[in-house]
PDB file of N, CA and C in Angstrom:
ATOM      1  N   MET A   1       0.828  -1.196   0.000  1.00  0.00           N
ATOM      2  CA  MET A   1       0.000   0.000   0.000  1.00  0.00           C
ATOM      3  C   MET A   1       0.872   1.259   0.000  1.00  0.00           C
ATOM      4  N   ARG A   2       1.961   1.222   0.762  1.00  0.00           N
ATOM      5  CA  ARG A   2       2.856   2.390   0.787  1.00  0.00           C
ATOM      6  C   ARG A   2       3.450   2.672  -0.587  1.00  0.00           C
ATOM      7  N   ALA A   3       3.794   1.582  -1.294  1.00  0.00           N
ATOM      8  CA  ALA A   3       4.363   1.753  -2.634  1.00  0.00           C
ATOM      9  C   ALA A   3       3.350   2.404  -3.565  1.00  0.00           C
ATOM     10  N   PHE A   4       2.084   2.018  -3.446  1.00  0.00           N
ATOM     11  CA  PHE A   4       1.040   2.607  -4.290  1.00  0.00           C
ATOM     12  C   PHE A   4       0.875   4.090  -3.980  1.00  0.00           C
ATOM     13  N   ILE A   5       0.854   4.441  -2.698  1.00  0.00           N
ATOM     14  CA  ILE A   5       0.699   5.843  -2.313  1.00  0.00           C
ATOM     15  C   ILE A   5       1.882   6.656  -2.814  1.00  0.00           C
ATOM     16  N   LEU A   6       3.090   6.101  -2.705  1.00  0.00           N
ATOM     17  CA  LEU A   6       4.276   6.797  -3.203  1.00  0.00           C
ATOM     18  C   LEU A   6       4.177   6.981  -4.720  1.00  0.00           C
ATOM     19  N   PHE A   7       3.785   5.914  -5.420  1.00  0.00           N
ATOM     20  CA  PHE A   7       3.623   6.004  -6.870  1.00  0.00           C
ATOM     21  C   PHE A   7       2.610   7.076  -7.246  1.00  0.00           C
ATOM     22  N   LEU A   8       1.466   7.063  -6.557  1.00  0.00           N
ATOM     23  CA  LEU A   8       0.412   8.027  -6.856  1.00  0.00           C
ATOM     24  C   LEU A   8       0.879   9.456  -6.592  1.00  0.00           C
ATOM     25  N   THR A   9       1.597   9.659  -5.513  1.00  0.00           N
ATOM     26  CA  THR A   9       2.118  10.995  -5.189  1.00  0.00           C
ATOM     27  C   THR A   9       3.084  11.477  -6.262  1.00  0.00           C
ATOM     28  N   ILE A  10       3.985  10.613  -6.665  1.00  0.00           N
ATOM     29  CA  ILE A  10       4.955  10.982  -7.701  1.00  0.00           C
ATOM     30  C   ILE A  10       4.240  11.233  -9.021  1.00  0.00           C
ATOM     31  N   PHE A  11       3.276  10.379  -9.343  1.00  0.00           N
ATOM     32  CA  PHE A  11       2.525  10.530 -10.583  1.00  0.00           C
ATOM     33  C   PHE A  11       1.796  11.872 -10.629  1.00  0.00           C
ATOM     34  N   LEU A  12       1.107  12.214  -9.544  1.00  0.00           N
ATOM     35  CA  LEU A  12       0.348  13.468  -9.514  1.00  0.00           C
ATOM     36  C   LEU A  12       1.275  14.678  -9.544  1.00  0.00           C
ATOM     37  N   ALA A  13       2.407  14.592  -8.841  1.00  0.00           N
ATOM     38  CA  ALA A  13       3.362  15.700  -8.860  1.00  0.00           C
ATOM     39  C   ALA A  13       3.925  15.885 -10.266  1.00  0.00           C
ATOM     40  N   SER A  14       4.245  14.780 -10.918  1.00  0.00           N
ATOM     41  CA  SER A  14       4.766  14.838 -12.277  1.00  0.00           C
ATOM     42  C   SER A  14       3.733  15.437 -13.225  1.00  0.00           C
ATOM     43  N   ALA A  15       2.488  15.036 -13.068  1.00  0.00           N
ATOM     44  CA  ALA A  15       1.416  15.562 -13.918  1.00  0.00           C
ATOM     45  C   ALA A  15       1.254  17.064 -13.712  1.00  0.00           C
ATOM     46  N   ALA A  16       1.353  17.508 -12.468  1.00  0.00           N
ATOM     47  CA  ALA A  16       1.204  18.938 -12.180  1.00  0.00           C
ATOM     48  C   ALA A  16       2.343  19.741 -12.788  1.00  0.00           C
ATOM     49  N   VAL A  17       3.571  19.235 -12.672  1.00  0.00           N
ATOM     50  CA  VAL A  17       4.723  19.920 -13.254  1.00  0.00           C
ATOM     51  C   VAL A  17       4.600  19.962 -14.768  1.00  0.00           C
ATOM     52  N   ASN A  18       4.197  18.856 -15.367  1.00  0.00           N
ATOM     53  CA  ASN A  18       4.019  18.796 -16.813  1.00  0.00           C
ATOM     54  C   ASN A  18       2.960  19.796 -17.274  1.00  0.00           C
ATOM     55  N   ALA A  19       1.871  19.885 -16.565  1.00  0.00           N
ATOM     56  CA  ALA A  19       0.800  20.815 -16.933  1.00  0.00           C
ATOM     57  C   ALA A  19       1.269  22.257 -16.799  1.00  0.00           C
ATOM     58  N   GLN A  20       2.014  22.544 -15.743  1.00  0.00           N
ATOM     59  CA  GLN A  20       2.506  23.910 -15.549  1.00  0.00           C
ATOM     60  C   GLN A  20       3.491  24.291 -16.645  1.00  0.00           C
ATOM     61  N   SER A  21       4.332  23.340 -17.043  1.00  0.00           N
ATOM     62  CA  SER A  21       5.318  23.650 -18.069  1.00  0.00           C
ATOM     63  C   SER A  21       4.658  23.895 -19.420  1.00  0.00           C
ATOM     64  N   GLN A  22       3.477  23.351 -19.625  1.00  0.00           N
ATOM     65  CA  GLN A  22       2.750  23.570 -20.866  1.00  0.00           C
ATOM     66  C   GLN A  22       1.822  24.777 -20.767  1.00  0.00           C
ATOM     67  N   GLY A  23       1.754  25.391 -19.603  1.00  0.00           N
ATOM     68  CA  GLY A  23       0.894  26.544 -19.428  1.00  0.00           C
ATOM     69  C   GLY A  23      -0.580  26.176 -19.338  1.00  0.00           C
ATOM     70  N   LYS A  24      -0.866  24.923 -19.061  1.00  0.00           N
ATOM     71  CA  LYS A  24      -2.248  24.466 -18.966  1.00  0.00           C
ATOM     72  C   LYS A  24      -2.444  23.783 -17.629  1.00  0.00           C
ATOM     73  N   GLU A  25      -3.594  23.986 -17.034  1.00  0.00           N
ATOM     74  CA  GLU A  25      -3.927  23.308 -15.793  1.00  0.00           C
ATOM     75  C   GLU A  25      -4.661  22.021 -16.111  1.00  0.00           C
ATOM     76  N   SER A  26      -4.300  20.970 -15.372  1.00  0.00           N
ATOM     77  CA  SER A  26      -5.065  19.731 -15.461  1.00  0.00           C
ATOM     78  C   SER A  26      -6.075  19.728 -14.335  1.00  0.00           C
ATOM     79  N   HIS A  27      -7.120  18.988 -14.514  1.00  0.00           N
ATOM     80  CA  HIS A  27      -8.087  18.759 -13.454  1.00  0.00           C
ATOM     81  C   HIS A  27      -7.844  17.360 -12.936  1.00  0.00           C
ATOM     82  N   PHE A  28      -8.314  17.097 -11.742  1.00  0.00           N
ATOM     83  CA  PHE A  28      -8.236  15.758 -11.187  1.00  0.00           C
ATOM     84  C   PHE A  28      -9.642  15.339 -10.794  1.00  0.00           C
ATOM     85  N   HIS A  29      -9.927  14.075 -11.005  1.00  0.00           N
ATOM     86  CA  HIS A  29     -11.268  13.553 -10.762  1.00  0.00           C
ATOM     87  C   HIS A  29     -11.153  12.262  -9.971  1.00  0.00           C
ATOM     88  N   THR A  30     -11.923  12.148  -8.896  1.00  0.00           N
ATOM     89  CA  THR A  30     -11.971  10.922  -8.113  1.00  0.00           C
ATOM     90  C   THR A  30     -13.146  10.090  -8.598  1.00  0.00           C
ATOM     91  N   VAL A  31     -12.841   8.883  -9.029  1.00  0.00           N
ATOM     92  CA  VAL A  31     -13.853   7.980  -9.582  1.00  0.00           C
ATOM     93  C   VAL A  31     -14.834   7.567  -8.488  1.00  0.00           C
ATOM     94  N   VAL A  32     -16.128   7.588  -8.826  1.00  0.00           N
ATOM     95  CA  VAL A  32     -17.165   7.119  -7.908  1.00  0.00           C
ATOM     96  C   VAL A  32     -17.807   5.860  -8.490  1.00  0.00           C
ATOM     97  N   VAL A  33     -18.515   5.145  -7.638  1.00  0.00           N
ATOM     98  CA  VAL A  33     -19.151   3.886  -8.027  1.00  0.00           C
ATOM     99  C   VAL A  33     -20.026   4.085  -9.269  1.00  0.00           C
ATOM    100  N   GLY A  34     -19.840   3.212 -10.256  1.00  0.00           N
ATOM    101  CA  GLY A  34     -20.671   3.228 -11.449  1.00  0.00           C
ATOM    102  C   GLY A  34     -20.177   4.100 -12.586  1.00  0.00           C
ATOM    103  N   GLU A  35     -19.135   4.899 -12.368  1.00  0.00           N
ATOM    104  CA  GLU A  35     -18.635   5.774 -13.425  1.00  0.00           C
ATOM    105  C   GLU A  35     -17.785   5.014 -14.427  1.00  0.00           C
ATOM    106  N   THR A  36     -17.795   5.506 -15.651  1.00  0.00           N
ATOM    107  CA  THR A  36     -16.916   5.001 -16.705  1.00  0.00           C
ATOM    108  C   THR A  36     -16.077   6.168 -17.213  1.00  0.00           C
ATOM    109  N   LEU A  37     -15.020   5.848 -17.955  1.00  0.00           N
ATOM    110  CA  LEU A  37     -14.225   6.923 -18.544  1.00  0.00           C
ATOM    111  C   LEU A  37     -15.068   7.749 -19.510  1.00  0.00           C
ATOM    112  N   SER A  38     -16.018   7.116 -20.171  1.00  0.00           N
ATOM    113  CA  SER A  38     -16.915   7.859 -21.068  1.00  0.00           C
ATOM    114  C   SER A  38     -17.767   8.861 -20.301  1.00  0.00           C
ATOM    115  N   ASP A  39     -18.251   8.456 -19.122  1.00  0.00           N
ATOM    116  CA  ASP A  39     -19.037   9.374 -18.279  1.00  0.00           C
ATOM    117  C   ASP A  39     -18.189  10.581 -17.881  1.00  0.00           C
ATOM    118  N   ILE A  40     -16.964  10.308 -17.465  1.00  0.00           N
ATOM    119  CA  ILE A  40     -16.060  11.366 -17.009  1.00  0.00           C
ATOM    120  C   ILE A  40     -15.708  12.275 -18.184  1.00  0.00           C
ATOM    121  N   SER A  41     -15.471  11.678 -19.341  1.00  0.00           N
ATOM    122  CA  SER A  41     -15.165  12.451 -20.536  1.00  0.00           C
ATOM    123  C   SER A  41     -16.316  13.390 -20.897  1.00  0.00           C
ATOM    124  N   GLU A  42     -17.531  12.889 -20.817  1.00  0.00           N
ATOM    125  CA  GLU A  42     -18.694  13.738 -21.109  1.00  0.00           C
ATOM    126  C   GLU A  42     -18.788  14.902 -20.126  1.00  0.00           C
ATOM    127  N   LYS A  43     -18.488  14.632 -18.862  1.00  0.00           N
ATOM    128  CA  LYS A  43     -18.554  15.681 -17.841  1.00  0.00           C
ATOM    129  C   LYS A  43     -17.548  16.803 -18.115  1.00  0.00           C
ATOM    130  N   TYR A  44     -16.321  16.455 -18.475  1.00  0.00           N
ATOM    131  CA  TYR A  44     -15.267  17.460 -18.640  1.00  0.00           C
ATOM    132  C   TYR A  44     -15.137  17.994 -20.061  1.00  0.00           C
ATOM    133  N   TYR A  45     -15.446  17.171 -21.059  1.00  0.00           N
ATOM    134  CA  TYR A  45     -15.245  17.575 -22.453  1.00  0.00           C
ATOM    135  C   TYR A  45     -16.544  17.739 -23.237  1.00  0.00           C
ATOM    136  N   GLY A  46     -17.653  17.233 -22.698  1.00  0.00           N
ATOM    137  CA  GLY A  46     -18.910  17.303 -23.422  1.00  0.00           C
ATOM    138  C   GLY A  46     -19.021  16.277 -24.526  1.00  0.00           C
ATOM    139  N   ASP A  47     -18.126  15.282 -24.517  1.00  0.00           N
ATOM    140  CA  ASP A  47     -18.118  14.270 -25.568  1.00  0.00           C
ATOM    141  C   ASP A  47     -17.606  12.953 -24.988  1.00  0.00           C
ATOM    142  N   ARG A  48     -18.439  11.928 -25.023  1.00  0.00           N
ATOM    143  CA  ARG A  48     -18.080  10.631 -24.438  1.00  0.00           C
ATOM    144  C   ARG A  48     -16.923   9.953 -25.180  1.00  0.00           C
ATOM    145  N   VAL A  49     -16.777  10.238 -26.460  1.00  0.00           N
ATOM    146  CA  VAL A  49     -15.764   9.586 -27.284  1.00  0.00           C
ATOM    147  C   VAL A  49     -14.341   9.993 -26.880  1.00  0.00           C
ATOM    148  N   LEU A  50     -14.206  11.127 -26.259  1.00  0.00           N
ATOM    149  CA  LEU A  50     -12.876  11.615 -25.887  1.00  0.00           C
ATOM    150  C   LEU A  50     -12.314  10.954 -24.627  1.00  0.00           C
ATOM    151  N   TYR A  51     -12.950   9.858 -24.175  1.00  0.00           N
ATOM    152  CA  TYR A  51     -12.451   9.126 -23.007  1.00  0.00           C
ATOM    153  C   TYR A  51     -11.003   8.694 -23.201  1.00  0.00           C
ATOM    154  N   ILE A  52     -10.594   8.482 -24.452  1.00  0.00           N
ATOM    155  CA  ILE A  52      -9.234   8.021 -24.738  1.00  0.00           C
ATOM    156  C   ILE A  52      -8.195   9.036 -24.266  1.00  0.00           C
ATOM    157  N   GLU A  53      -8.544  10.324 -24.262  1.00  0.00           N
ATOM    158  CA  GLU A  53      -7.629  11.359 -23.772  1.00  0.00           C
ATOM    159  C   GLU A  53      -7.324  11.139 -22.291  1.00  0.00           C
ATOM    160  N   ILE A  54      -8.352  10.806 -21.534  1.00  0.00           N
ATOM    161  CA  ILE A  54      -8.182  10.554 -20.102  1.00  0.00           C
ATOM    162  C   ILE A  54      -7.401   9.262 -19.894  1.00  0.00           C
ATOM    163  N   PHE A  55      -7.739   8.247 -20.672  1.00  0.00           N
ATOM    164  CA  PHE A  55      -7.034   6.967 -20.572  1.00  0.00           C
ATOM    165  C   PHE A  55      -5.548   7.144 -20.839  1.00  0.00           C
ATOM    166  N   GLU A  56      -5.198   7.809 -21.921  1.00  0.00           N
ATOM    167  CA  GLU A  56      -3.792   8.012 -22.285  1.00  0.00           C
ATOM    168  C   GLU A  56      -3.049   8.833 -21.235  1.00  0.00           C
ATOM    169  N   ALA A  57      -3.713   9.805 -20.641  1.00  0.00           N
ATOM    170  CA  ALA A  57      -3.082  10.666 -19.638  1.00  0.00           C
ATOM    171  C   ALA A  57      -2.814   9.934 -18.328  1.00  0.00           C
ATOM    172  N   ASN A  58      -3.447   8.792 -18.140  1.00  0.00           N
ATOM    173  CA  ASN A  58      -3.319   8.074 -16.873  1.00  0.00           C
ATOM    174  C   ASN A  58      -2.619   6.729 -17.002  1.00  0.00           C
ATOM    175  N   LYS A  59      -1.922   6.518 -18.113  1.00  0.00           N
ATOM    176  CA  LYS A  59      -1.087   5.330 -18.249  1.00  0.00           C
ATOM    177  C   LYS A  59       0.187   5.580 -17.451  1.00  0.00           C
ATOM    178  N   PRO A  60       0.829   4.667 -16.833  1.00  0.00           N
ATOM    179  CA  PRO A  60       0.566   3.243 -16.762  1.00  0.00           C
ATOM    180  C   PRO A  60      -0.365   2.834 -15.622  1.00  0.00           C
ATOM    181  N   MET A  61      -0.909   3.810 -14.876  1.00  0.00           N
ATOM    182  CA  MET A  61      -1.827   3.450 -13.791  1.00  0.00           C
ATOM    183  C   MET A  61      -3.021   2.673 -14.344  1.00  0.00           C
ATOM    184  N   LEU A  62      -3.529   3.099 -15.490  1.00  0.00           N
ATOM    185  CA  LEU A  62      -4.634   2.390 -16.134  1.00  0.00           C
ATOM    186  C   LEU A  62      -4.073   1.523 -17.250  1.00  0.00           C
ATOM    187  N   GLU A  63      -4.440   0.261 -17.235  1.00  0.00           N
ATOM    188  CA  GLU A  63      -4.008  -0.647 -18.289  1.00  0.00           C
ATOM    189  C   GLU A  63      -5.143  -0.967 -19.253  1.00  0.00           C
ATOM    190  N   ASP A  64      -6.379  -0.697 -18.828  1.00  0.00           N
ATOM    191  CA  ASP A  64      -7.560  -1.014 -19.628  1.00  0.00           C
ATOM    192  C   ASP A  64      -8.599   0.078 -19.362  1.00  0.00           C
ATOM    193  N   PRO A  65      -9.131   0.709 -20.407  1.00  0.00           N
ATOM    194  CA  PRO A  65     -10.100   1.793 -20.179  1.00  0.00           C
ATOM    195  C   PRO A  65     -11.395   1.339 -19.512  1.00  0.00           C
ATOM    196  N   ASP A  66     -11.647   0.048 -19.514  1.00  0.00           N
ATOM    197  CA  ASP A  66     -12.864  -0.472 -18.885  1.00  0.00           C
ATOM    198  C   ASP A  66     -12.650  -0.848 -17.423  1.00  0.00           C
ATOM    199  N   LYS A  67     -11.432  -0.678 -16.925  1.00  0.00           N
ATOM    200  CA  LYS A  67     -11.129  -1.073 -15.552  1.00  0.00           C
ATOM    201  C   LYS A  67     -10.683   0.132 -14.732  1.00  0.00           C
ATOM    202  N   ILE A  68     -11.671   0.880 -14.267  1.00  0.00           N
ATOM    203  CA  ILE A  68     -11.405   1.960 -13.313  1.00  0.00           C
ATOM    204  C   ILE A  68     -12.198   1.626 -12.059  1.00  0.00           C
ATOM    205  N   TYR A  69     -11.725   2.117 -10.934  1.00  0.00           N
ATOM    206  CA  TYR A  69     -12.304   1.726  -9.656  1.00  0.00           C
ATOM    207  C   TYR A  69     -12.603   2.937  -8.785  1.00  0.00           C
ATOM    208  N   PRO A  70     -13.660   2.847  -7.976  1.00  0.00           N
ATOM    209  CA  PRO A  70     -13.983   3.948  -7.059  1.00  0.00           C
ATOM    210  C   PRO A  70     -12.773   4.286  -6.189  1.00  0.00           C
ATOM    211  N   GLY A  71     -12.539   5.589  -6.054  1.00  0.00           N
ATOM    212  CA  GLY A  71     -11.426   6.065  -5.244  1.00  0.00           C
ATOM    213  C   GLY A  71     -10.190   6.406  -6.051  1.00  0.00           C
ATOM    214  N   GLN A  72     -10.096   5.908  -7.283  1.00  0.00           N
ATOM    215  CA  GLN A  72      -8.950   6.265  -8.116  1.00  0.00           C
ATOM    216  C   GLN A  72      -9.020   7.750  -8.445  1.00  0.00           C
ATOM    217  N   VAL A  73      -7.856   8.392  -8.434  1.00  0.00           N
ATOM    218  CA  VAL A  73      -7.778   9.805  -8.792  1.00  0.00           C
ATOM    219  C   VAL A  73      -7.163   9.878 -10.183  1.00  0.00           C
ATOM    220  N   LEU A  74      -7.931  10.392 -11.126  1.00  0.00           N
ATOM    221  CA  LEU A  74      -7.497  10.471 -12.516  1.00  0.00           C
ATOM    222  C   LEU A  74      -7.154  11.899 -12.890  1.00  0.00           C
ATOM    223  N   ARG A  75      -6.104  12.043 -13.681  1.00  0.00           N
ATOM    224  CA  ARG A  75      -5.749  13.357 -14.231  1.00  0.00           C
ATOM    225  C   ARG A  75      -6.614  13.568 -15.464  1.00  0.00           C
ATOM    226  N   ILE A  76      -7.245  14.718 -15.545  1.00  0.00           N
ATOM    227  CA  ILE A  76      -8.080  15.082 -16.686  1.00  0.00           C
ATOM    228  C   ILE A  76      -7.328  16.181 -17.439  1.00  0.00           C
ATOM    229  N   PRO A  77      -6.665  15.820 -18.536  1.00  0.00           N
ATOM    230  CA  PRO A  77      -5.862  16.828 -19.234  1.00  0.00           C
ATOM    231  C   PRO A  77      -6.726  17.830 -19.988  1.00  0.00           C
ATOM    232  N   ASN A  78      -6.205  19.030 -20.112  1.00  0.00           N
ATOM    233  CA  ASN A  78      -6.850  19.978 -21.008  1.00  0.00           C
ATOM    234  C   ASN A  78      -6.559  19.517 -22.414  1.00  0.00           C
ATOM    235  N   ILE A  79      -7.533  19.629 -23.274  1.00  0.00           N
ATOM    236  CA  ILE A  79      -7.329  19.253 -24.662  1.00  0.00           C
ATOM    237  C   ILE A  79      -7.649  20.450 -25.534  1.00  0.00           C
ATOM    238  N   SER A  80      -7.161  20.422 -26.742  1.00  0.00           N
ATOM    239  CA  SER A  80      -7.399  21.506 -27.679  1.00  0.00           C
ATOM    240  C   SER A  80      -8.895  21.683 -27.894  1.00  0.00           C
ATOM    241  N   THR A  81      -9.328  22.911 -27.943  1.00  0.00           N
ATOM    242  CA  THR A  81     -10.753  23.167 -28.159  1.00  0.00           C
ATOM    243  C   THR A  81     -11.199  22.706 -29.544  1.00  0.00           C
ATOM    244  N   ALA A  82     -10.225  22.423 -30.425  1.00  0.00           N
ATOM    245  CA  ALA A  82     -10.578  21.884 -31.730  1.00  0.00           C
ATOM    246  C   ALA A  82     -11.177  20.499 -31.598  1.00  0.00           C
ATOM    247  N   TYR A  83     -10.825  19.777 -30.527  1.00  0.00           N
ATOM    248  CA  TYR A  83     -11.348  18.433 -30.309  1.00  0.00           C
ATOM    249  C   TYR A  83     -12.587  18.439 -29.449  1.00  0.00           C
ATOM    250  N   ALA A  84     -12.673  19.389 -28.543  1.00  0.00           N
ATOM    251  CA  ALA A  84     -13.801  19.418 -27.601  1.00  0.00           C
ATOM    252  C   ALA A  84     -14.973  20.161 -28.214  1.00  0.00           C
ATOM    253  N   LYS A  85     -16.157  19.783 -27.793  1.00  0.00           N
ATOM    254  CA  LYS A  85     -17.363  20.479 -28.267  1.00  0.00           C
ATOM    255  C   LYS A  85     -17.556  21.753 -27.479  1.00  0.00           C
TER     256      LYS A  85
END
């Protein structure tokens, strides 16, 4: 469990530094029971199909877009408005 917490801390810190260096803020989302990446994508981007953006931003923590669990904290990257509705 300690290794997971350390990994998560390093991952989130790295994501924050990466976002700052790009001049964009990332959002973070805590998964709740019953949510899918498509649900989360619709909430932040207005388009369920863009779930792949969230999946890619959270590798290697996520190995399968269909396997997310309550309590996981996901980085929600800003994406170009050309892709978002």
